[in-house]
C-alpha atoms as a PDB file:
ATOM      1  CA  MET A   1     135.796  98.177 107.592  1.00  0.00           C
ATOM      2  CA  PRO A   2     132.308  99.386 106.805  1.00  0.00           C
ATOM      3  CA  THR A   3     130.263  97.412 104.510  1.00  0.00           C
ATOM      4  CA  GLN A   4     128.590  98.859 101.365  1.00  0.00           C
ATOM      5  CA  ALA A   5     125.096  99.171 103.139  1.00  0.00           C
ATOM      6  CA  CYS A   6     126.433 101.225 105.957  1.00  0.00           C
ATOM      7  CA  SER A   7     129.059 103.453 104.081  1.00  0.00           C
ATOM      8  CA  SER A   8     126.815 104.854 101.350  1.00  0.00           C
ATOM      9  CA  PRO A   9     123.260 104.819 100.773  1.00  0.00           C
ATOM     10  CA  THR A  10     121.651 103.237  97.634  1.00  0.00           C
ATOM     11  CA  LYS A  11     119.964 105.093  94.571  1.00  0.00           C
ATOM     12  CA  ASP A  12     117.024 104.085  95.676  1.00  0.00           C
ATOM     13  CA  GLU A  13     117.442 104.964  99.192  1.00  0.00           C
ATOM     14  CA  LEU A  14     118.562 108.291  97.913  1.00  0.00           C
ATOM     15  CA  ARG A  15     115.677 108.924  95.694  1.00  0.00           C
ATOM     16  CA  ARG A  16     113.071 108.052  98.496  1.00  0.00           C
ATOM     17  CA  ARG A  17     114.772 110.605 100.868  1.00  0.00           C
ATOM     18  CA  ALA A  18     114.700 113.100  98.182  1.00  0.00           C
ATOM     19  CA  LEU A  19     111.015 112.446  97.658  1.00  0.00           C
ATOM     20  CA  LEU A  20     110.157 112.355 101.398  1.00  0.00           C
ATOM     21  CA  ALA A  21     112.011 115.807 101.799  1.00  0.00           C
ATOM     22  CA  ALA A  22     110.200 117.295  98.657  1.00  0.00           C
ATOM     23  CA  ARG A  23     106.641 116.155 100.361  1.00  0.00           C
ATOM     24  CA  ARG A  24     107.612 117.635 103.709  1.00  0.00           C
ATOM     25  CA  ARG A  25     108.711 120.869 102.362  1.00  0.00           C
ATOM     26  CA  LEU A  26     105.542 121.083 100.126  1.00  0.00           C
ATOM     27  CA  SER A  27     103.551 120.465 103.201  1.00  0.00           C
ATOM     28  CA  GLU A  28     104.921 123.147 105.072  1.00  0.00           C
ATOM     29  CA  LEU A  29     104.761 125.738 102.313  1.00  0.00           C
ATOM     30  CA  ARG A  30     100.898 124.763 102.091  1.00  0.00           C
ATOM     31  CA  GLU A  31     100.606 124.853 105.847  1.00  0.00           C
ATOM     32  CA  ALA A  32     102.276 128.528 105.717  1.00  0.00           C
ATOM     33  CA  GLY A  33      99.815 129.381 103.235  1.00  0.00           C
ATOM     34  CA  GLU A  34     102.523 130.213 100.430  1.00  0.00           C
ATOM     35  CA  ILE A  35     101.213 128.042  97.910  1.00  0.00           C
ATOM     36  CA  GLY A  36      97.674 126.860  97.146  1.00  0.00           C
ATOM     37  CA  ASP A  37      95.939 123.460  96.628  1.00  0.00           C
ATOM     38  CA  ALA A  38      96.383 123.480  92.797  1.00  0.00           C
ATOM     39  CA  ALA A  39      99.972 124.080  93.308  1.00  0.00           C
ATOM     40  CA  VAL A  40     100.203 121.223  95.766  1.00  0.00           C
ATOM     41  CA  ARG A  41      98.434 118.998  93.005  1.00  0.00           C
ATOM     42  CA  ALA A  42     100.722 119.896  90.369  1.00  0.00           C
ATOM     43  CA  VAL A  43     103.906 119.192  92.554  1.00  0.00           C
ATOM     44  CA  GLU A  44     102.276 115.919  93.689  1.00  0.00           C
ATOM     45  CA  ASP A  45     101.603 115.037  90.148  1.00  0.00           C
ATOM     46  CA  ASP A  46     105.248 115.560  89.166  1.00  0.00           C
ATOM     47  CA  LEU A  47     106.419 113.500  92.329  1.00  0.00           C
ATOM     48  CA  ARG A  48     104.442 110.519  91.339  1.00  0.00           C
ATOM     49  CA  ARG A  49     105.576 110.449  87.939  1.00  0.00           C
ATOM     50  CA  ILE A  50     109.195 110.446  89.192  1.00  0.00           C
ATOM     51  CA  GLU A  51     108.508 107.505  91.323  1.00  0.00           C
ATOM     52  CA  LEU A  52     106.391 105.622  88.564  1.00  0.00           C
ATOM     53  CA  ARG A  53     109.320 106.298  86.226  1.00  0.00           C
ATOM     54  CA  ALA A  54     111.569 104.689  88.673  1.00  0.00           C
ATOM     55  CA  PHE A  55     109.460 101.666  89.467  1.00  0.00           C
ATOM     56  CA  LEU A  56     109.026 101.093  85.789  1.00  0.00           C
ATOM     57  CA  GLY A  57     112.752 101.371  85.030  1.00  0.00           C
ATOM     58  CA  LYS A  58     113.455  98.618  87.383  1.00  0.00           C
ATOM     59  CA  LEU A  59     110.654  96.389  85.723  1.00  0.00           C
ATOM     60  CA  TYR A  60     112.007  97.171  82.282  1.00  0.00           C
ATOM     61  CA  PRO A  61     115.685  98.402  82.553  1.00  0.00           C
ATOM     62  CA  SER A  62     117.265  99.550  79.298  1.00  0.00           C
END
């Protein structure tokens, strides 16, 4: 019988994977010339806010 760690990723792992995928796609779009530096900065700012909220949520749970 599989263990919890093997059977399903944790919420943190899913969040980490989603952020990594978003950054990879952002990089692809930038390299293809489909978006500019300002758009990349704006999206990166949003991604950093998501990470910060998740981190602070662990420090100060509701």
